[in-house]
Every structure is written in structure tokens, then in C-alpha cells.
Amino acid sequence: MNAAENFAVLGLVLPPPPAPKGVYKPLLIVDKFVYVSGHGPVLPDGSLLHGKAGMDVNADGAKLAAQQVGLTILSTLVSQLGSLNRIKRVIKILGMVNATPEFGTHPHVINGCSELFVKVWGPDNGVGVRSAVGMGSLPDNITVEIEAIFELSD
């Protein structure tokens, strides 16, 4: 199955693609790479998931927020490229968790997005390099922000 078919099998709903809230593009194509700006956890109704991991949200709740960020990134890809099938593979994910200084399971949280991408593009093309870091705050107190780089299909 291709990426679009894999996503359809999951039965998940894409949120609306977010409009930029500053001076930037949602994504930029350079040669065969797609650079996706940082995205937050947009819900299907357009609202955002908020809260600081380790205070307002536990690790599993933050992981669900990271999955929602992954869905938001997929929504942007579909809206800008027309189909998930235009993406060959995940190159890199940078995951930022709004967390207390004591919170230490940032990789677990960002797995919410990474595991989604594996389900869409498979274990070979859905896994790229990754960073998972904690932040003292994120815009609008969102729980997770993720940016990504993808390779376009030939």
C-alpha cells in the first residue's frame, strides 16, 4: 500500500492545516526536500492542545499531543502537495516538548509523531534522524511543537 492508503486504514482525522501566525511559509521545497515549519497540536475543530508536560499533562498525554502534531504536519503536506504519496521518506524530525525542568521523557513524547509516520510510510521510509528536546515554554502554551524534513518521491 502507498502512504495515502496506509493513512486511510488508520481511521484518523486530519485537522485543518494551520495558517502561519508569523512571517514564514508552512513548508518550502528545495530540490528534492520538503522543509516543514514548526507545527503545534491542532485538533479537528481547529483548537490547540495546551499544557506543560510534567505539570498539566503527563508523559502519555504529551505523547498524544505529539501524535496530533504529526497529524497536523500531514494535513499541511496534503494541502500543499496534494497527496502524502508525494513524500518518499522522513529525513528528520525536531520535537520540542513544553516541559518542566524535571520532566525527562522527551523521546517518549516525540514517539507519538514518529510512530504515526512509521504507520504512514513504513519502518524503512517512516523513520529518519530525530531530536527530542525540552523547552521552558512554547507559543500559546502548546504541549509540543515539531518541525520536519521529508524527501520527495521521484
Foldseek 3Di string as FASTA:
>chain_A
DALQVLVVVVVDDAAAADDDPDPDDQWDDDDQKIWGDKFWQADNVRDGAADADPPRADLVRLLLRLLSRLSNNLNVCCVVVVDPRQFQAWAEKEKEFQYDPPDDPQVSSNVSNLVVQCSRNNPPRSDHYYHGYYDPADPPRGGMIMITMTGTDD
